[in-house]
């Protein structure tokens, strides 16, 4: 839905990709789908994790991904003045995501600590 709100300072959009059952198991989310949701927005082919984080922080852009047993969600929350930059980040995350080895190791380590 598009709402005409000229007084708004930020825009949030959410894209949800339904893939039936992406758990590939017994109705539960697998570590693979969990990791994909957690790491999808970490970096792209053009932007490493540090540069991605710096751009988000500098321009007040929030871009995150989540996963469930049935779908992946990509959410962009961006100041209206930085919409073009935010959409460019969104485009890169959707078309050329990179799953950095270091971030994957951190993910695995944090999951082990949770039990």
N, C-alpha and C. Protein backbone atom coordinates (compact mmCIF):
# COMPACT_ATOMS: atom_id res chain seq x y z
N UNK A 1 0.83 -1.18 0.00
CA UNK A 1 0.00 0.00 0.00
C UNK A 1 0.88 1.24 0.00
N UNK A 2 0.50 2.23 -0.76
CA UNK A 2 1.22 3.50 -0.78
C UNK A 2 0.32 4.56 -0.17
N UNK A 3 0.88 5.30 0.78
CA UNK A 3 0.13 6.35 1.44
C UNK A 3 0.82 7.67 1.16
N UNK A 4 0.05 8.66 0.71
CA UNK A 4 0.59 9.99 0.47
C UNK A 4 0.71 10.70 1.82
N UNK A 5 1.92 10.86 2.31
CA UNK A 5 2.15 11.48 3.60
C UNK A 5 3.34 12.42 3.50
N UNK A 6 3.14 13.62 2.95
CA UNK A 6 4.24 14.55 2.73
C UNK A 6 4.94 14.99 4.02
N UNK A 7 4.30 14.83 5.15
CA UNK A 7 4.89 15.21 6.44
C UNK A 7 5.80 14.13 7.00
N UNK A 8 5.82 12.97 6.37
CA UNK A 8 6.61 11.85 6.87
C UNK A 8 8.10 12.09 6.63
N UNK A 9 8.91 11.71 7.60
CA UNK A 9 10.36 11.85 7.46
C UNK A 9 11.04 10.53 7.11
N UNK A 10 10.35 9.41 7.33
CA UNK A 10 10.94 8.09 7.06
C UNK A 10 9.94 7.23 6.32
N UNK A 11 10.48 6.25 5.63
CA UNK A 11 9.68 5.28 4.90
C UNK A 11 10.11 3.90 5.35
N UNK A 12 9.15 3.03 5.56
CA UNK A 12 9.48 1.64 5.86
C UNK A 12 8.77 0.75 4.86
N UNK A 13 9.52 -0.18 4.30
CA UNK A 13 8.92 -1.15 3.39
C UNK A 13 9.38 -2.54 3.80
N UNK A 14 8.50 -3.47 3.65
CA UNK A 14 8.79 -4.85 4.01
C UNK A 14 8.46 -5.74 2.82
N UNK A 15 9.42 -6.55 2.45
CA UNK A 15 9.23 -7.52 1.38
C UNK A 15 9.23 -8.90 2.02
N UNK A 16 8.22 -9.68 1.73
CA UNK A 16 8.13 -11.02 2.30
C UNK A 16 8.11 -12.03 1.16
N UNK A 17 9.01 -12.97 1.24
CA UNK A 17 9.14 -14.00 0.22
C UNK A 17 8.65 -15.32 0.79
N UNK A 18 7.48 -15.72 0.36
CA UNK A 18 6.91 -16.99 0.81
C UNK A 18 7.44 -18.10 -0.09
N UNK A 19 7.94 -19.13 0.53
CA UNK A 19 8.49 -20.24 -0.24
C UNK A 19 7.86 -21.55 0.20
N UNK A 20 6.62 -21.50 0.62
CA UNK A 20 6.04 -22.74 1.14
C UNK A 20 6.72 -23.07 2.44
N UNK A 21 7.19 -24.26 2.55
CA UNK A 21 7.93 -24.64 3.75
C UNK A 21 9.42 -24.60 3.45
N UNK A 22 10.09 -23.58 3.95
CA UNK A 22 11.52 -23.46 3.71
C UNK A 22 12.33 -24.16 4.79
N UNK A 23 11.66 -24.85 5.70
CA UNK A 23 12.39 -25.49 6.79
C UNK A 23 13.12 -26.75 6.34
N UNK A 24 12.68 -27.37 5.27
CA UNK A 24 13.30 -28.58 4.74
C UNK A 24 13.35 -29.70 5.77
N UNK A 25 12.45 -29.63 6.74
CA UNK A 25 12.49 -30.64 7.79
C UNK A 25 11.09 -30.95 8.30
N UNK A 26 10.99 -31.14 9.56
CA UNK A 26 9.75 -31.57 10.19
C UNK A 26 8.89 -30.40 10.66
N UNK A 27 8.78 -29.35 9.89
CA UNK A 27 7.96 -28.21 10.29
C UNK A 27 8.68 -27.21 11.16
N UNK A 28 9.95 -27.43 11.40
CA UNK A 28 10.75 -26.51 12.21
C UNK A 28 11.76 -25.82 11.31
N UNK A 29 12.13 -24.63 11.71
CA UNK A 29 13.15 -23.90 10.97
C UNK A 29 14.50 -24.56 11.20
N UNK A 30 15.30 -24.70 10.15
CA UNK A 30 16.62 -25.32 10.28
C UNK A 30 17.67 -24.24 10.53
N UNK A 31 18.85 -24.67 10.92
CA UNK A 31 19.95 -23.72 11.11
C UNK A 31 20.29 -23.00 9.81
N UNK A 32 20.13 -23.70 8.68
CA UNK A 32 20.43 -23.06 7.39
C UNK A 32 19.50 -21.89 7.12
N UNK A 33 18.19 -22.07 7.35
CA UNK A 33 17.26 -20.97 7.10
C UNK A 33 17.44 -19.87 8.12
N UNK A 34 17.75 -20.23 9.37
CA UNK A 34 18.01 -19.23 10.41
C UNK A 34 19.23 -18.38 10.03
N UNK A 35 20.30 -19.04 9.62
CA UNK A 35 21.53 -18.33 9.24
C UNK A 35 21.29 -17.44 8.04
N UNK A 36 20.55 -17.93 7.07
CA UNK A 36 20.28 -17.11 5.89
C UNK A 36 19.55 -15.84 6.27
N UNK A 37 18.53 -15.95 7.12
CA UNK A 37 17.80 -14.77 7.56
C UNK A 37 18.68 -13.80 8.33
N UNK A 38 19.58 -14.34 9.13
CA UNK A 38 20.43 -13.50 9.96
C UNK A 38 21.55 -12.82 9.15
N UNK A 39 22.07 -13.52 8.17
CA UNK A 39 23.25 -13.02 7.45
C UNK A 39 22.94 -12.39 6.09
N UNK A 40 21.73 -12.51 5.60
CA UNK A 40 21.40 -12.05 4.25
C UNK A 40 21.79 -10.61 4.01
N UNK A 41 21.60 -9.75 5.01
CA UNK A 41 21.86 -8.32 4.84
C UNK A 41 23.24 -7.90 5.34
N UNK A 42 24.10 -8.85 5.71
CA UNK A 42 25.39 -8.51 6.30
C UNK A 42 26.34 -7.83 5.31
N UNK A 43 26.32 -8.27 4.07
CA UNK A 43 27.25 -7.74 3.07
C UNK A 43 26.73 -8.08 1.68
N UNK A 44 27.32 -7.43 0.69
CA UNK A 44 26.99 -7.73 -0.70
C UNK A 44 28.30 -7.94 -1.46
N UNK A 45 28.18 -8.28 -2.73
CA UNK A 45 29.40 -8.44 -3.53
C UNK A 45 30.21 -7.14 -3.58
N UNK A 46 29.53 -6.00 -3.52
CA UNK A 46 30.22 -4.71 -3.59
C UNK A 46 30.59 -4.13 -2.24
N UNK A 47 29.84 -4.50 -1.19
CA UNK A 47 30.04 -3.88 0.13
C UNK A 47 30.36 -4.94 1.17
N UNK A 48 31.51 -4.80 1.83
CA UNK A 48 31.82 -5.72 2.92
C UNK A 48 31.02 -5.32 4.15
N UNK A 49 31.10 -6.11 5.21
CA UNK A 49 30.27 -5.86 6.39
C UNK A 49 30.56 -4.50 7.03
N UNK A 50 31.81 -4.11 7.06
CA UNK A 50 32.19 -2.83 7.65
C UNK A 50 31.61 -1.66 6.86
N UNK A 51 31.73 -1.71 5.55
CA UNK A 51 31.22 -0.63 4.70
C UNK A 51 29.70 -0.58 4.76
N UNK A 52 29.05 -1.74 4.75
CA UNK A 52 27.60 -1.80 4.85
C UNK A 52 27.13 -1.14 6.15
N UNK A 53 27.78 -1.50 7.25
CA UNK A 53 27.43 -0.96 8.55
C UNK A 53 27.66 0.56 8.60
N UNK A 54 28.76 1.00 8.03
CA UNK A 54 29.08 2.43 8.02
C UNK A 54 28.04 3.23 7.23
N UNK A 55 27.63 2.73 6.08
CA UNK A 55 26.62 3.42 5.27
C UNK A 55 25.30 3.49 6.03
N UNK A 56 24.90 2.38 6.64
CA UNK A 56 23.65 2.37 7.41
C UNK A 56 23.70 3.39 8.55
N UNK A 57 24.81 3.39 9.29
CA UNK A 57 24.94 4.31 10.42
C UNK A 57 25.00 5.76 9.97
N UNK A 58 25.77 6.04 8.95
CA UNK A 58 25.96 7.42 8.48
C UNK A 58 24.66 8.04 7.99
N UNK A 59 23.85 7.27 7.29
CA UNK A 59 22.65 7.83 6.66
C UNK A 59 21.35 7.44 7.36
N UNK A 60 21.44 6.81 8.52
CA UNK A 60 20.24 6.46 9.28
C UNK A 60 19.36 5.43 8.60
N UNK A 61 19.98 4.53 7.86
CA UNK A 61 19.25 3.51 7.12
C UNK A 61 19.22 2.23 7.96
N UNK A 62 18.05 1.67 8.10
CA UNK A 62 17.92 0.37 8.75
C UNK A 62 17.49 -0.63 7.67
N UNK A 63 18.25 -1.69 7.56
CA UNK A 63 17.95 -2.74 6.60
C UNK A 63 18.24 -4.06 7.29
N UNK A 64 17.22 -4.89 7.43
CA UNK A 64 17.43 -6.15 8.11
C UNK A 64 16.60 -7.25 7.48
N UNK A 65 17.04 -8.46 7.75
CA UNK A 65 16.37 -9.63 7.19
C UNK A 65 16.05 -10.59 8.33
N UNK A 66 14.97 -11.32 8.16
CA UNK A 66 14.58 -12.35 9.12
C UNK A 66 14.06 -13.55 8.35
N UNK A 67 13.98 -14.66 9.03
CA UNK A 67 13.44 -15.85 8.39
C UNK A 67 12.55 -16.59 9.38
N UNK A 68 11.60 -17.30 8.85
CA UNK A 68 10.77 -18.20 9.63
C UNK A 68 10.75 -19.53 8.89
N UNK A 69 9.97 -20.45 9.37
CA UNK A 69 9.88 -21.74 8.70
C UNK A 69 9.16 -21.63 7.36
N UNK A 70 8.49 -20.52 7.09
CA UNK A 70 7.68 -20.41 5.88
C UNK A 70 8.04 -19.24 4.95
N UNK A 71 8.81 -18.28 5.43
CA UNK A 71 9.14 -17.14 4.57
C UNK A 71 10.37 -16.39 5.07
N UNK A 72 10.93 -15.60 4.17
CA UNK A 72 12.00 -14.66 4.50
C UNK A 72 11.43 -13.26 4.38
N UNK A 73 11.89 -12.35 5.23
CA UNK A 73 11.44 -10.96 5.18
C UNK A 73 12.65 -10.05 5.09
N UNK A 74 12.57 -9.06 4.21
CA UNK A 74 13.59 -8.02 4.10
C UNK A 74 12.87 -6.70 4.40
N UNK A 75 13.38 -5.96 5.38
CA UNK A 75 12.75 -4.70 5.78
C UNK A 75 13.73 -3.56 5.60
N UNK A 76 13.25 -2.48 5.01
CA UNK A 76 14.03 -1.26 4.82
C UNK A 76 13.30 -0.12 5.52
N UNK A 77 14.00 0.57 6.41
CA UNK A 77 13.48 1.76 7.09
C UNK A 77 14.50 2.85 6.79
N UNK A 78 14.07 3.89 6.09
CA UNK A 78 15.03 4.87 5.56
C UNK A 78 14.46 6.28 5.63
N UNK A 79 15.30 7.28 5.98
CA UNK A 79 14.85 8.66 5.89
C UNK A 79 14.48 8.99 4.44
N UNK A 80 13.42 9.74 4.25
CA UNK A 80 12.96 10.09 2.90
C UNK A 80 14.10 10.70 2.08
N UNK A 81 14.93 11.54 2.71
CA UNK A 81 16.03 12.18 1.99
C UNK A 81 17.09 11.19 1.51
N UNK A 82 17.12 10.00 2.08
CA UNK A 82 18.10 8.98 1.70
C UNK A 82 17.45 7.79 0.99
N UNK A 83 16.25 8.01 0.48
CA UNK A 83 15.50 6.91 -0.14
C UNK A 83 16.27 6.25 -1.28
N UNK A 84 16.86 7.04 -2.14
CA UNK A 84 17.60 6.46 -3.27
C UNK A 84 18.76 5.59 -2.78
N UNK A 85 19.48 6.06 -1.78
CA UNK A 85 20.60 5.29 -1.23
C UNK A 85 20.08 4.00 -0.56
N UNK A 86 18.98 4.11 0.16
CA UNK A 86 18.38 2.95 0.80
C UNK A 86 17.91 1.92 -0.20
N UNK A 87 17.28 2.38 -1.27
CA UNK A 87 16.82 1.46 -2.31
C UNK A 87 17.99 0.79 -3.02
N UNK A 88 19.10 1.51 -3.15
CA UNK A 88 20.30 0.90 -3.75
C UNK A 88 20.82 -0.22 -2.84
N UNK A 89 20.86 0.02 -1.52
CA UNK A 89 21.28 -1.04 -0.60
C UNK A 89 20.35 -2.23 -0.68
N UNK A 90 19.05 -1.96 -0.71
CA UNK A 90 18.05 -3.02 -0.81
C UNK A 90 18.28 -3.83 -2.09
N UNK A 91 18.49 -3.14 -3.19
CA UNK A 91 18.75 -3.81 -4.47
C UNK A 91 19.96 -4.73 -4.37
N UNK A 92 21.04 -4.23 -3.77
CA UNK A 92 22.25 -5.04 -3.65
C UNK A 92 22.02 -6.27 -2.77
N UNK A 93 21.30 -6.09 -1.66
CA UNK A 93 21.03 -7.21 -0.76
C UNK A 93 20.19 -8.27 -1.47
N UNK A 94 19.23 -7.83 -2.26
CA UNK A 94 18.36 -8.78 -2.96
C UNK A 94 19.06 -9.48 -4.12
N UNK A 95 19.94 -8.77 -4.82
CA UNK A 95 20.53 -9.31 -6.05
C UNK A 95 21.94 -9.87 -5.90
N UNK A 96 22.73 -9.33 -4.98
CA UNK A 96 24.12 -9.80 -4.85
C UNK A 96 24.53 -9.94 -3.38
N UNK A 97 23.75 -10.70 -2.59
CA UNK A 97 24.15 -10.86 -1.19
C UNK A 97 25.44 -11.67 -1.08
N UNK A 98 26.16 -11.42 0.00
CA UNK A 98 27.38 -12.18 0.28
C UNK A 98 27.30 -12.64 1.73
N UNK A 99 27.67 -13.86 1.96
CA UNK A 99 27.66 -14.39 3.31
C UNK A 99 29.11 -14.51 3.76
N UNK A 100 29.62 -13.45 4.41
CA UNK A 100 31.04 -13.43 4.78
C UNK A 100 31.38 -14.56 5.77
N UNK A 101 32.50 -15.19 5.57
CA UNK A 101 32.93 -16.31 6.41
C UNK A 101 33.05 -15.89 7.88
N UNK A 102 33.58 -14.72 8.13
CA UNK A 102 33.73 -14.25 9.51
C UNK A 102 32.37 -14.13 10.20
N UNK A 103 31.40 -13.56 9.50
CA UNK A 103 30.07 -13.41 10.08
C UNK A 103 29.40 -14.77 10.31
N UNK A 104 29.65 -15.71 9.42
CA UNK A 104 29.11 -17.05 9.59
C UNK A 104 29.70 -17.71 10.83
N UNK A 105 31.01 -17.53 11.05
CA UNK A 105 31.64 -18.08 12.26
C UNK A 105 31.04 -17.44 13.51
N UNK A 106 30.80 -16.12 13.49
CA UNK A 106 30.18 -15.45 14.64
C UNK A 106 28.77 -15.99 14.88
N UNK A 107 28.05 -16.21 13.81
CA UNK A 107 26.70 -16.76 13.94
C UNK A 107 26.74 -18.14 14.60
N UNK A 108 27.62 -19.00 14.08
CA UNK A 108 27.72 -20.35 14.64
C UNK A 108 28.11 -20.30 16.12
N UNK A 109 29.03 -19.43 16.46
CA UNK A 109 29.46 -19.29 17.85
C UNK A 109 28.32 -18.83 18.75
N UNK A 110 27.56 -17.86 18.29
CA UNK A 110 26.44 -17.36 19.10
C UNK A 110 25.35 -18.42 19.25
N UNK A 111 25.12 -19.22 18.23
CA UNK A 111 24.10 -20.28 18.31
C UNK A 111 24.54 -21.37 19.29
N UNK A 112 25.84 -21.69 19.30
CA UNK A 112 26.34 -22.70 20.23
C UNK A 112 26.15 -22.24 21.69
N UNK A 113 26.37 -20.95 21.92
CA UNK A 113 26.22 -20.41 23.28
C UNK A 113 24.77 -20.47 23.75
N UNK A 114 23.83 -20.38 22.81
CA UNK A 114 22.42 -20.45 23.17
C UNK A 114 21.98 -21.86 23.54
N UNK A 115 22.77 -22.80 23.17
CA UNK A 115 22.46 -24.17 23.57
C UNK A 115 22.03 -25.01 22.46
